[in-house]
Amino acid sequence: MTEPDVRLMLTPFGALQAFAELHPAPHWAQLQTLMGADIAPHAAAWVQAGSGRGELLAQATREGWVHTVMRELRAPDVRLDNFLPHVIAGLSGQRTAALASEGGFCIGRVGYTQEQADILCAAAADFSEFAARQRHRGWPGAGRFVAFHQDAAMLLPSTSFVPFWVDGVAYSLILEGEPLLNNTALVELIWGVRTSGARFSPA
């Protein structure tokens, strides 16, 4: 195996962090470029393509944001309307999930009825707007992620909202039961959305 065969890709944790804001910090914006094409970049070429990337790669590896791949790794090459239900199912402990567009429209679902998904997708968009307003007002407690609990013990959420941004477009994951975000399905989802260049219509 020669050095040019070593490729780079975001870990699930790295993908969640890199795409967590509409306007990412410079280091996150640099790491987003690992998903900029339909194939994972060679490590050496990626480092040479930007100033300070050697140091960034070292930090990203230490922090668990990036991992190396010793093979050719490609983005999902399928129709997103067929792909989304399969990939988002793996992110929910109950295999019940939906993906909402910026306007709160359901663009993919599994496990939910269409009516349930429509209600939750609209709610996720509303909560994202609410959290953004509160952060703008200076409340640091207005985090990006929202979890709802049905039991008083509050051990596991019944439903979670997980927003992310791809090329300036907002999306929200709605996950029923335990969120399984440390999962390569999250990387596949974000990479697939990004490389598709698609703008979705309501499901």
N, C-alpha and C. Protein backbone atom coordinates (compact mmCIF):
# COMPACT_ATOMS: atom_id res chain seq x y z
N MET A 1 0.85 -1.19 0.00
CA MET A 1 0.00 0.00 0.00
C MET A 1 0.89 1.24 0.00
N THR A 2 0.79 2.06 -1.01
CA THR A 2 1.59 3.27 -1.09
C THR A 2 0.86 4.41 -0.42
N GLU A 3 1.61 5.46 -0.09
CA GLU A 3 1.04 6.61 0.62
C GLU A 3 -0.14 7.23 -0.11
N PRO A 4 -0.11 7.40 -1.46
CA PRO A 4 -1.26 8.00 -2.13
C PRO A 4 -2.54 7.19 -2.00
N ASP A 5 -2.45 5.91 -1.59
CA ASP A 5 -3.65 5.09 -1.42
C ASP A 5 -4.40 5.43 -0.14
N VAL A 6 -3.79 6.19 0.76
CA VAL A 6 -4.43 6.55 2.02
C VAL A 6 -5.41 7.69 1.76
N ARG A 7 -6.67 7.46 2.09
CA ARG A 7 -7.71 8.47 1.89
C ARG A 7 -8.27 8.92 3.23
N LEU A 8 -8.97 10.05 3.20
CA LEU A 8 -9.51 10.64 4.41
C LEU A 8 -11.02 10.74 4.33
N MET A 9 -11.68 10.56 5.47
CA MET A 9 -13.12 10.79 5.55
C MET A 9 -13.47 11.20 6.98
N LEU A 10 -14.54 11.97 7.10
CA LEU A 10 -15.04 12.34 8.41
C LEU A 10 -15.61 11.13 9.14
N THR A 11 -15.42 11.10 10.44
CA THR A 11 -16.12 10.13 11.28
C THR A 11 -17.56 10.63 11.48
N PRO A 12 -18.46 9.80 12.02
CA PRO A 12 -19.80 10.30 12.32
C PRO A 12 -19.77 11.52 13.24
N PHE A 13 -18.92 11.50 14.27
CA PHE A 13 -18.81 12.65 15.17
C PHE A 13 -18.29 13.87 14.42
N GLY A 14 -17.29 13.67 13.57
CA GLY A 14 -16.75 14.78 12.80
C GLY A 14 -17.76 15.36 11.84
N ALA A 15 -18.55 14.50 11.19
CA ALA A 15 -19.57 14.98 10.26
C ALA A 15 -20.63 15.78 10.99
N LEU A 16 -21.05 15.31 12.16
CA LEU A 16 -22.07 16.02 12.93
C LEU A 16 -21.57 17.39 13.34
N GLN A 17 -20.30 17.50 13.71
CA GLN A 17 -19.73 18.79 14.11
C GLN A 17 -19.49 19.69 12.91
N ALA A 18 -18.96 19.14 11.84
CA ALA A 18 -18.58 19.96 10.68
C ALA A 18 -19.79 20.60 10.01
N PHE A 19 -20.93 19.92 10.03
CA PHE A 19 -22.11 20.41 9.33
C PHE A 19 -23.18 20.91 10.31
N ALA A 20 -22.77 21.27 11.52
CA ALA A 20 -23.72 21.64 12.56
C ALA A 20 -24.16 23.09 12.52
N GLU A 21 -23.52 23.92 11.72
CA GLU A 21 -23.84 25.35 11.69
C GLU A 21 -23.99 25.84 10.26
N LEU A 22 -24.85 26.84 10.10
CA LEU A 22 -25.01 27.47 8.79
C LEU A 22 -23.70 28.10 8.34
N HIS A 23 -23.02 28.76 9.27
CA HIS A 23 -21.73 29.39 8.97
C HIS A 23 -20.66 28.72 9.85
N PRO A 24 -20.06 27.65 9.38
CA PRO A 24 -19.10 26.91 10.20
C PRO A 24 -17.81 27.69 10.43
N ALA A 25 -17.14 27.38 11.53
CA ALA A 25 -15.82 27.94 11.78
C ALA A 25 -14.87 27.49 10.67
N PRO A 26 -13.78 28.25 10.45
CA PRO A 26 -12.88 27.93 9.33
C PRO A 26 -12.38 26.49 9.31
N HIS A 27 -12.07 25.93 10.47
CA HIS A 27 -11.54 24.56 10.46
C HIS A 27 -12.63 23.56 10.08
N TRP A 28 -13.88 23.83 10.48
CA TRP A 28 -14.96 22.94 10.06
C TRP A 28 -15.23 23.08 8.57
N ALA A 29 -15.15 24.30 8.07
CA ALA A 29 -15.34 24.49 6.62
C ALA A 29 -14.28 23.73 5.83
N GLN A 30 -13.05 23.72 6.33
CA GLN A 30 -11.99 22.95 5.66
C GLN A 30 -12.30 21.46 5.69
N LEU A 31 -12.79 20.98 6.82
CA LEU A 31 -13.08 19.55 6.93
C LEU A 31 -14.29 19.16 6.09
N GLN A 32 -15.19 20.09 5.84
CA GLN A 32 -16.32 19.79 4.96
C GLN A 32 -15.86 19.39 3.56
N THR A 33 -14.69 19.88 3.15
CA THR A 33 -14.21 19.57 1.80
C THR A 33 -13.87 18.09 1.63
N LEU A 34 -13.75 17.36 2.73
CA LEU A 34 -13.55 15.91 2.61
C LEU A 34 -14.74 15.24 1.95
N MET A 35 -15.89 15.91 1.99
CA MET A 35 -17.10 15.42 1.33
C MET A 35 -17.43 16.25 0.10
N GLY A 36 -16.44 16.91 -0.47
CA GLY A 36 -16.69 17.81 -1.58
C GLY A 36 -16.83 17.15 -2.93
N ALA A 37 -16.52 15.87 -3.02
CA ALA A 37 -16.62 15.15 -4.30
C ALA A 37 -17.24 13.80 -4.03
N ASP A 38 -17.41 13.01 -5.09
CA ASP A 38 -18.06 11.71 -4.92
C ASP A 38 -17.09 10.60 -4.54
N ILE A 39 -15.84 10.98 -4.24
CA ILE A 39 -14.86 10.01 -3.78
C ILE A 39 -14.01 10.66 -2.70
N ALA A 40 -13.67 9.89 -1.66
CA ALA A 40 -12.84 10.41 -0.58
C ALA A 40 -11.47 10.82 -1.12
N PRO A 41 -10.94 11.97 -0.67
CA PRO A 41 -9.67 12.45 -1.22
C PRO A 41 -8.47 11.70 -0.67
N HIS A 42 -7.40 11.66 -1.48
CA HIS A 42 -6.12 11.15 -0.99
C HIS A 42 -5.62 12.08 0.11
N ALA A 43 -5.06 11.50 1.15
CA ALA A 43 -4.60 12.28 2.29
C ALA A 43 -3.55 13.31 1.88
N ALA A 44 -2.55 12.89 1.12
CA ALA A 44 -1.47 13.80 0.74
C ALA A 44 -1.99 14.95 -0.12
N ALA A 45 -2.86 14.65 -1.06
CA ALA A 45 -3.40 15.69 -1.94
C ALA A 45 -4.24 16.68 -1.16
N TRP A 46 -5.04 16.19 -0.21
CA TRP A 46 -5.89 17.08 0.57
C TRP A 46 -5.05 18.02 1.42
N VAL A 47 -4.02 17.49 2.06
CA VAL A 47 -3.15 18.32 2.90
C VAL A 47 -2.47 19.40 2.07
N GLN A 48 -2.00 19.05 0.88
CA GLN A 48 -1.27 20.01 0.04
C GLN A 48 -2.19 21.06 -0.58
N ALA A 49 -3.49 20.82 -0.59
CA ALA A 49 -4.41 21.72 -1.29
C ALA A 49 -4.79 22.95 -0.49
N GLY A 50 -4.40 23.04 0.78
CA GLY A 50 -4.77 24.20 1.58
C GLY A 50 -3.75 24.49 2.66
N SER A 51 -3.62 25.76 2.99
CA SER A 51 -2.67 26.17 4.03
C SER A 51 -3.12 25.68 5.40
N GLY A 52 -2.18 25.16 6.16
CA GLY A 52 -2.46 24.72 7.52
C GLY A 52 -3.18 23.40 7.64
N ARG A 53 -3.36 22.71 6.53
CA ARG A 53 -4.12 21.46 6.60
C ARG A 53 -3.37 20.33 7.28
N GLY A 54 -2.05 20.38 7.25
CA GLY A 54 -1.29 19.35 7.95
C GLY A 54 -1.57 19.38 9.44
N GLU A 55 -1.53 20.59 10.02
CA GLU A 55 -1.82 20.74 11.44
C GLU A 55 -3.27 20.40 11.74
N LEU A 56 -4.17 20.83 10.84
CA LEU A 56 -5.59 20.53 11.04
C LEU A 56 -5.84 19.03 11.02
N LEU A 57 -5.20 18.32 10.09
CA LEU A 57 -5.39 16.88 10.02
C LEU A 57 -4.90 16.20 11.29
N ALA A 58 -3.77 16.66 11.80
CA ALA A 58 -3.26 16.07 13.04
C ALA A 58 -4.24 16.28 14.19
N GLN A 59 -4.78 17.49 14.29
CA GLN A 59 -5.76 17.76 15.35
C GLN A 59 -7.04 16.95 15.14
N ALA A 60 -7.52 16.91 13.89
CA ALA A 60 -8.76 16.20 13.59
C ALA A 60 -8.64 14.71 13.88
N THR A 61 -7.46 14.16 13.65
CA THR A 61 -7.24 12.75 13.94
C THR A 61 -7.24 12.51 15.45
N ARG A 62 -6.57 13.41 16.19
CA ARG A 62 -6.55 13.28 17.65
C ARG A 62 -7.94 13.38 18.25
N GLU A 63 -8.73 14.31 17.72
CA GLU A 63 -10.06 14.57 18.28
C GLU A 63 -11.11 13.56 17.81
N GLY A 64 -10.76 12.72 16.87
CA GLY A 64 -11.72 11.74 16.38
C GLY A 64 -12.69 12.28 15.36
N TRP A 65 -12.30 13.36 14.67
CA TRP A 65 -13.17 13.95 13.64
C TRP A 65 -12.96 13.30 12.28
N VAL A 66 -11.75 12.78 12.07
CA VAL A 66 -11.36 12.24 10.76
C VAL A 66 -10.70 10.89 10.96
N HIS A 67 -10.89 9.99 10.01
CA HIS A 67 -10.16 8.73 10.03
C HIS A 67 -9.62 8.44 8.64
N THR A 68 -8.63 7.58 8.58
CA THR A 68 -8.04 7.20 7.30
C THR A 68 -8.71 5.94 6.77
N VAL A 69 -8.76 5.85 5.45
CA VAL A 69 -9.38 4.71 4.77
C VAL A 69 -8.36 4.18 3.77
N MET A 70 -8.08 2.91 3.82
CA MET A 70 -7.08 2.30 2.94
C MET A 70 -7.71 1.69 1.69
N ARG A 71 -8.72 2.34 1.18
CA ARG A 71 -9.38 1.86 -0.03
C ARG A 71 -10.12 3.02 -0.67
N GLU A 72 -10.58 2.81 -1.88
CA GLU A 72 -11.38 3.83 -2.55
C GLU A 72 -12.76 3.87 -1.91
N LEU A 73 -13.14 5.05 -1.44
CA LEU A 73 -14.43 5.21 -0.76
C LEU A 73 -15.26 6.23 -1.53
N ARG A 74 -16.44 5.82 -1.96
CA ARG A 74 -17.29 6.67 -2.78
C ARG A 74 -18.57 7.06 -2.06
N ALA A 75 -19.10 8.21 -2.44
CA ALA A 75 -20.38 8.66 -1.91
C ALA A 75 -21.49 7.75 -2.41
N PRO A 76 -22.60 7.67 -1.69
CA PRO A 76 -23.73 6.86 -2.17
C PRO A 76 -24.16 7.30 -3.57
N ASP A 77 -24.29 6.35 -4.47
CA ASP A 77 -24.65 6.65 -5.86
C ASP A 77 -26.03 6.05 -6.14
N VAL A 78 -27.03 6.63 -5.49
CA VAL A 78 -28.40 6.14 -5.64
C VAL A 78 -29.34 7.35 -5.63
N ARG A 79 -30.56 7.12 -6.07
CA ARG A 79 -31.57 8.17 -5.99
C ARG A 79 -31.88 8.44 -4.53
N LEU A 80 -31.83 9.72 -4.15
CA LEU A 80 -32.01 10.04 -2.75
C LEU A 80 -33.39 9.67 -2.23
N ASP A 81 -34.43 9.75 -3.05
CA ASP A 81 -35.75 9.41 -2.55
C ASP A 81 -35.86 7.93 -2.20
N ASN A 82 -35.05 7.09 -2.85
CA ASN A 82 -34.99 5.67 -2.48
C ASN A 82 -34.00 5.41 -1.35
N PHE A 83 -32.96 6.21 -1.30
CA PHE A 83 -31.86 6.02 -0.36
C PHE A 83 -32.20 6.49 1.05
N LEU A 84 -32.92 7.62 1.16
CA LEU A 84 -33.14 8.24 2.46
C LEU A 84 -33.80 7.32 3.49
N PRO A 85 -34.90 6.64 3.17
CA PRO A 85 -35.53 5.80 4.20
C PRO A 85 -34.59 4.74 4.76
N HIS A 86 -33.73 4.17 3.92
CA HIS A 86 -32.82 3.13 4.38
C HIS A 86 -31.72 3.70 5.28
N VAL A 87 -31.17 4.84 4.90
CA VAL A 87 -30.04 5.37 5.66
C VAL A 87 -30.49 5.99 6.98
N ILE A 88 -31.62 6.68 7.01
CA ILE A 88 -32.05 7.31 8.26
C ILE A 88 -32.58 6.29 9.25
N ALA A 89 -33.05 5.14 8.78
CA ALA A 89 -33.54 4.11 9.70
C ALA A 89 -32.45 3.66 10.65
N GLY A 90 -31.21 3.59 10.17
CA GLY A 90 -30.10 3.14 11.00
C GLY A 90 -29.68 4.13 12.07
N LEU A 91 -30.25 5.33 12.05
CA LEU A 91 -29.90 6.35 13.04
C LEU A 91 -30.87 6.38 14.21
N SER A 92 -31.90 5.55 14.17
CA SER A 92 -32.92 5.50 15.22
C SER A 92 -32.94 4.13 15.87
N GLY A 93 -32.97 4.11 17.21
CA GLY A 93 -33.05 2.85 17.91
C GLY A 93 -34.31 2.07 17.61
N GLN A 94 -35.35 2.76 17.16
CA GLN A 94 -36.60 2.11 16.79
C GLN A 94 -36.77 2.02 15.27
N ARG A 95 -35.72 2.38 14.54
CA ARG A 95 -35.78 2.40 13.07
C ARG A 95 -36.99 3.20 12.57
N THR A 96 -37.24 4.30 13.27
CA THR A 96 -38.33 5.21 12.93
C THR A 96 -37.74 6.61 12.88
N ALA A 97 -37.75 7.22 11.70
CA ALA A 97 -37.05 8.49 11.52
C ALA A 97 -37.64 9.24 10.34
N ALA A 98 -37.33 10.53 10.29
CA ALA A 98 -37.73 11.36 9.17
C ALA A 98 -36.66 12.41 8.93
N LEU A 99 -36.64 12.96 7.73
CA LEU A 99 -35.73 14.05 7.39
C LEU A 99 -36.56 15.21 6.90
N ALA A 100 -36.35 16.37 7.52
CA ALA A 100 -37.10 17.58 7.19
C ALA A 100 -36.24 18.55 6.42
N SER A 101 -36.86 19.27 5.50
CA SER A 101 -36.19 20.34 4.78
C SER A 101 -36.24 21.61 5.61
N GLU A 102 -35.60 22.65 5.11
CA GLU A 102 -35.53 23.92 5.81
C GLU A 102 -36.91 24.48 6.12
N GLY A 103 -37.85 24.30 5.23
CA GLY A 103 -39.20 24.81 5.44
C GLY A 103 -40.09 23.91 6.25
N GLY A 104 -39.55 22.81 6.76
CA GLY A 104 -40.34 21.90 7.57
C GLY A 104 -41.09 20.85 6.79
N PHE A 105 -40.74 20.67 5.51
CA PHE A 105 -41.38 19.64 4.71
C PHE A 105 -40.68 18.30 4.91
N CYS A 106 -41.43 17.23 4.88
CA CYS A 106 -40.87 15.89 4.99
C CYS A 106 -40.30 15.47 3.64
N ILE A 107 -39.01 15.13 3.63
CA ILE A 107 -38.39 14.71 2.37
C ILE A 107 -37.92 13.26 2.42
N GLY A 108 -38.13 12.61 3.55
CA GLY A 108 -37.82 11.19 3.68
C GLY A 108 -38.33 10.69 5.02
N ARG A 109 -38.88 9.50 5.05
CA ARG A 109 -39.41 8.96 6.31
C ARG A 109 -39.34 7.44 6.29
N VAL A 110 -39.32 6.87 7.49
CA VAL A 110 -39.41 5.43 7.66
C VAL A 110 -40.01 5.18 9.04
N GLY A 111 -40.99 4.31 9.13
CA GLY A 111 -41.61 4.00 10.42
C GLY A 111 -42.77 4.90 10.78
N TYR A 112 -42.69 6.17 10.45
CA TYR A 112 -43.79 7.11 10.69
C TYR A 112 -44.81 7.03 9.56
N THR A 113 -46.07 7.35 9.88
CA THR A 113 -47.03 7.60 8.82
C THR A 113 -46.70 8.95 8.19
N GLN A 114 -47.26 9.23 7.03
CA GLN A 114 -47.01 10.52 6.40
C GLN A 114 -47.50 11.66 7.28
N GLU A 115 -48.65 11.47 7.93
CA GLU A 115 -49.19 12.52 8.80
C GLU A 115 -48.27 12.77 9.99
N GLN A 116 -47.80 11.70 10.63
CA GLN A 116 -46.88 11.86 11.75
C GLN A 116 -45.60 12.57 11.32
N ALA A 117 -45.06 12.15 10.19
CA ALA A 117 -43.81 12.75 9.70
C ALA A 117 -44.00 14.22 9.38
N ASP A 118 -45.12 14.57 8.76
CA ASP A 118 -45.38 15.97 8.42
C ASP A 118 -45.44 16.84 9.67
N ILE A 119 -46.12 16.35 10.71
CA ILE A 119 -46.24 17.11 11.96
C ILE A 119 -44.87 17.30 12.60
N LEU A 120 -44.09 16.23 12.68
CA LEU A 120 -42.78 16.31 13.33
C LEU A 120 -41.79 17.15 12.54
N CYS A 121 -41.84 17.07 11.22
CA CYS A 121 -40.92 17.87 10.40
C CYS A 121 -41.21 19.35 10.55
N ALA A 122 -42.49 19.71 10.60
CA ALA A 122 -42.85 21.11 10.83
C ALA A 122 -42.39 21.57 12.21
N ALA A 123 -42.56 20.70 13.22
CA ALA A 123 -42.13 21.04 14.57
C ALA A 123 -40.61 21.21 14.65
N ALA A 124 -39.87 20.35 13.96
CA ALA A 124 -38.41 20.45 13.97
C ALA A 124 -37.95 21.78 13.38
N ALA A 125 -38.58 22.21 12.30
CA ALA A 125 -38.22 23.50 11.71
C ALA A 125 -38.54 24.64 12.66
N ASP A 126 -39.68 24.56 13.34
CA ASP A 126 -40.05 25.60 14.31
C ASP A 126 -39.04 25.68 15.45
N PHE A 127 -38.62 24.53 15.97
CA PHE A 127 -37.66 24.52 17.07
C PHE A 127 -36.30 25.03 16.63
N SER A 128 -35.90 24.74 15.42
CA SER A 128 -34.62 25.25 14.92
C SER A 128 -34.63 26.77 14.85
N GLU A 129 -35.74 27.32 14.38
CA GLU A 129 -35.87 28.78 14.32
C GLU A 129 -35.87 29.38 15.72
N PHE A 130 -36.58 28.74 16.65
CA PHE A 130 -36.63 29.22 18.03
C PHE A 130 -35.24 29.23 18.65
N ALA A 131 -34.50 28.13 18.50
CA ALA A 131 -33.17 28.04 19.09
C ALA A 131 -32.23 29.08 18.49
N ALA A 132 -32.34 29.31 17.19
CA ALA A 132 -31.49 30.31 16.53
C ALA A 132 -31.78 31.70 17.08
N ARG A 133 -33.06 32.01 17.29
CA ARG A 133 -33.41 33.33 17.84
C ARG A 133 -32.85 33.50 19.25
N GLN A 134 -32.97 32.46 20.07
CA GLN A 134 -32.49 32.57 21.45
C GLN A 134 -30.97 32.67 21.51
N ARG A 135 -30.27 31.97 20.64
CA ARG A 135 -28.81 32.11 20.61
C ARG A 135 -28.42 33.52 20.18
N HIS A 136 -29.17 34.07 19.22
CA HIS A 136 -28.89 35.43 18.77
C HIS A 136 -29.09 36.43 19.90
N ARG A 137 -30.03 36.15 20.79
CA ARG A 137 -30.29 37.02 21.93
C ARG A 137 -29.28 36.83 23.05
N GLY A 138 -28.43 35.82 22.92
CA GLY A 138 -27.36 35.64 23.88
C GLY A 138 -27.55 34.53 24.89
N TRP A 139 -28.56 33.68 24.69
CA TRP A 139 -28.77 32.57 25.61
C TRP A 139 -27.95 31.37 25.16
N PRO A 140 -26.85 31.05 25.85
CA PRO A 140 -26.00 29.93 25.41
C PRO A 140 -26.67 28.57 25.61
N GLY A 141 -27.72 28.53 26.43
CA GLY A 141 -28.39 27.26 26.66
C GLY A 141 -29.27 26.81 25.51
N ALA A 142 -29.48 27.68 24.52
CA ALA A 142 -30.31 27.31 23.37
C ALA A 142 -29.46 26.48 22.42
N GLY A 143 -29.30 25.22 22.74
CA GLY A 143 -28.48 24.34 21.92
C GLY A 143 -29.15 23.98 20.62
N ARG A 144 -28.41 23.31 19.77
CA ARG A 144 -28.94 22.94 18.45
C ARG A 144 -29.84 21.72 18.53
N PHE A 145 -29.57 20.83 19.48
CA PHE A 145 -30.26 19.55 19.51
C PHE A 145 -31.39 19.58 20.53
N VAL A 146 -32.49 18.92 20.21
CA VAL A 146 -33.67 18.90 21.08
C VAL A 146 -34.07 17.45 21.32
N ALA A 147 -34.32 17.11 22.59
CA ALA A 147 -34.78 15.77 22.93
C ALA A 147 -36.04 15.87 23.77
N PHE A 148 -37.02 15.06 23.46
CA PHE A 148 -38.28 15.02 24.20
C PHE A 148 -38.38 13.69 24.93
N HIS A 149 -38.92 13.74 26.16
CA HIS A 149 -39.04 12.54 26.99
C HIS A 149 -40.49 12.33 27.39
N GLN A 150 -40.91 11.07 27.39
CA GLN A 150 -42.25 10.72 27.82
C GLN A 150 -42.28 10.24 29.27
N ASP A 151 -41.15 9.74 29.77
CA ASP A 151 -41.12 9.22 31.15
C ASP A 151 -40.42 10.21 32.06
N ALA A 152 -40.82 10.22 33.32
CA ALA A 152 -40.28 11.18 34.28
C ALA A 152 -38.80 10.95 34.56
N ALA A 153 -38.32 9.73 34.40
CA ALA A 153 -36.91 9.46 34.65
C ALA A 153 -36.01 10.12 33.63
N MET A 154 -36.52 10.38 32.44
CA MET A 154 -35.79 11.07 31.39
C MET A 154 -34.47 10.38 31.05
N LEU A 155 -34.50 9.06 31.00
CA LEU A 155 -33.27 8.32 30.70
C LEU A 155 -32.98 8.28 29.21
N LEU A 156 -34.00 7.98 28.42
CA LEU A 156 -33.85 7.95 26.97
C LEU A 156 -34.92 8.83 26.34
N PRO A 157 -34.57 9.57 25.32
CA PRO A 157 -35.57 10.42 24.68
C PRO A 157 -36.58 9.60 23.89
N SER A 158 -37.80 10.11 23.82
CA SER A 158 -38.78 9.48 22.94
C SER A 158 -38.60 9.95 21.50
N THR A 159 -38.24 11.23 21.34
CA THR A 159 -38.02 11.81 20.02
C THR A 159 -36.90 12.84 20.11
N SER A 160 -36.05 12.88 19.11
CA SER A 160 -34.95 13.86 19.07
C SER A 160 -34.95 14.58 17.73
N PHE A 161 -34.57 15.86 17.76
CA PHE A 161 -34.38 16.66 16.56
C PHE A 161 -32.89 16.97 16.42
N VAL A 162 -32.33 16.67 15.26
CA VAL A 162 -30.90 16.87 15.01
C VAL A 162 -30.75 17.69 13.73
N PRO A 163 -30.51 18.99 13.84
CA PRO A 163 -30.35 19.81 12.64
C PRO A 163 -28.94 19.76 12.07
N PHE A 164 -28.83 19.96 10.76
CA PHE A 164 -27.52 20.12 10.12
C PHE A 164 -27.71 20.95 8.86
N TRP A 165 -26.62 21.49 8.35
CA TRP A 165 -26.65 22.35 7.16
C TRP A 165 -25.70 21.79 6.10
N VAL A 166 -26.17 21.74 4.89
CA VAL A 166 -25.36 21.30 3.76
C VAL A 166 -25.40 22.38 2.69
N ASP A 167 -24.25 23.01 2.45
CA ASP A 167 -24.14 24.06 1.42
C ASP A 167 -25.20 25.13 1.59
N GLY A 168 -25.39 25.57 2.84
CA GLY A 168 -26.31 26.67 3.12
C GLY A 168 -27.76 26.28 3.25
N VAL A 169 -28.09 25.01 3.09
CA VAL A 169 -29.47 24.54 3.19
C VAL A 169 -29.63 23.77 4.50
N ALA A 170 -30.68 24.10 5.25
CA ALA A 170 -30.92 23.46 6.55
C ALA A 170 -31.75 22.19 6.40
N TYR A 171 -31.39 21.20 7.19
CA TYR A 171 -32.14 19.95 7.29
C TYR A 171 -32.26 19.59 8.76
N SER A 172 -33.26 18.79 9.10
CA SER A 172 -33.39 18.28 10.47
C SER A 172 -33.73 16.80 10.43
N LEU A 173 -32.99 16.04 11.20
CA LEU A 173 -33.31 14.63 11.42
C LEU A 173 -34.28 14.52 12.58
N ILE A 174 -35.31 13.73 12.43
CA ILE A 174 -36.22 13.41 13.53
C ILE A 174 -36.04 11.93 13.82
N LEU A 175 -35.65 11.61 15.04
CA LEU A 175 -35.30 10.23 15.40
C LEU A 175 -36.15 9.77 16.57
N GLU A 176 -36.79 8.63 16.41
CA GLU A 176 -37.62 8.06 17.46
C GLU A 176 -36.78 7.10 18.30
N GLY A 177 -36.95 7.21 19.63
CA GLY A 177 -36.19 6.34 20.53
C GLY A 177 -34.74 6.79 20.65
N GLU A 178 -33.87 5.85 20.96
CA GLU A 178 -32.46 6.18 21.17
C GLU A 178 -31.82 6.65 19.86
N PRO A 179 -31.20 7.85 19.86
CA PRO A 179 -30.49 8.29 18.65
C PRO A 179 -29.17 7.54 18.51
N LEU A 180 -28.93 7.00 17.33
CA LEU A 180 -27.71 6.22 17.07
C LEU A 180 -26.82 7.00 16.12
N LEU A 181 -26.29 8.11 16.61
CA LEU A 181 -25.57 9.03 15.74
C LEU A 181 -24.12 8.63 15.50
N ASN A 182 -23.57 7.77 16.34
CA ASN A 182 -22.20 7.28 16.12
C ASN A 182 -22.26 6.12 15.14
N ASN A 183 -22.64 6.45 13.91
CA ASN A 183 -23.01 5.44 12.92
C ASN A 183 -22.61 5.97 11.55
N THR A 184 -21.98 5.13 10.75
CA THR A 184 -21.56 5.58 9.42
C THR A 184 -22.74 5.99 8.55
N ALA A 185 -23.95 5.60 8.94
CA ALA A 185 -25.13 6.04 8.20
C ALA A 185 -25.25 7.56 8.20
N LEU A 186 -24.79 8.22 9.28
CA LEU A 186 -24.84 9.68 9.33
C LEU A 186 -23.90 10.28 8.28
N VAL A 187 -22.71 9.71 8.14
CA VAL A 187 -21.77 10.17 7.12
C VAL A 187 -22.36 9.95 5.73
N GLU A 188 -22.94 8.78 5.50
CA GLU A 188 -23.54 8.49 4.20
C GLU A 188 -24.68 9.45 3.88
N LEU A 189 -25.49 9.78 4.89
CA LEU A 189 -26.60 10.70 4.68
C LEU A 189 -26.11 12.07 4.24
N ILE A 190 -25.21 12.66 5.01
CA ILE A 190 -24.73 14.01 4.70
C ILE A 190 -23.97 14.02 3.38
N TRP A 191 -23.14 13.03 3.16
CA TRP A 191 -22.37 12.97 1.91
C TRP A 191 -23.30 12.78 0.72
N GLY A 192 -24.29 11.92 0.87
CA GLY A 192 -25.24 11.70 -0.22
C GLY A 192 -26.03 12.95 -0.56
N VAL A 193 -26.48 13.67 0.47
CA VAL A 193 -27.21 14.92 0.23
C VAL A 193 -26.31 15.94 -0.45
N ARG A 194 -25.07 16.02 0.02
CA ARG A 194 -24.17 17.04 -0.53
C ARG A 194 -23.82 16.76 -1.98
N THR A 195 -23.46 15.55 -2.30
CA THR A 195 -23.02 15.26 -3.66
C THR A 195 -24.17 15.23 -4.65
N SER A 196 -25.37 15.03 -4.15
CA SER A 196 -26.52 15.03 -5.06
C SER A 196 -26.78 16.40 -5.64
N GLY A 197 -26.50 17.45 -4.84
CA GLY A 197 -26.80 18.80 -5.29
C GLY A 197 -28.29 19.04 -5.43
N ALA A 198 -29.10 18.14 -4.86
CA ALA A 198 -30.55 18.23 -5.06
C ALA A 198 -31.16 19.21 -4.07
N ARG A 199 -32.26 19.81 -4.49
CA ARG A 199 -33.10 20.59 -3.61
C ARG A 199 -34.45 19.91 -3.63
N PHE A 200 -34.91 19.55 -2.43
CA PHE A 200 -36.02 18.64 -2.35
C PHE A 200 -37.37 19.33 -2.41
N SER A 201 -38.35 18.56 -2.85
CA SER A 201 -39.75 18.96 -2.78
C SER A 201 -40.41 18.15 -1.68
N PRO A 202 -41.58 18.57 -1.20
CA PRO A 202 -42.26 17.81 -0.17
C PRO A 202 -42.53 16.38 -0.63
N ALA A 203 -42.43 15.43 0.32
CA ALA A 203 -42.69 14.03 0.00
C ALA A 203 -44.17 13.80 -0.23
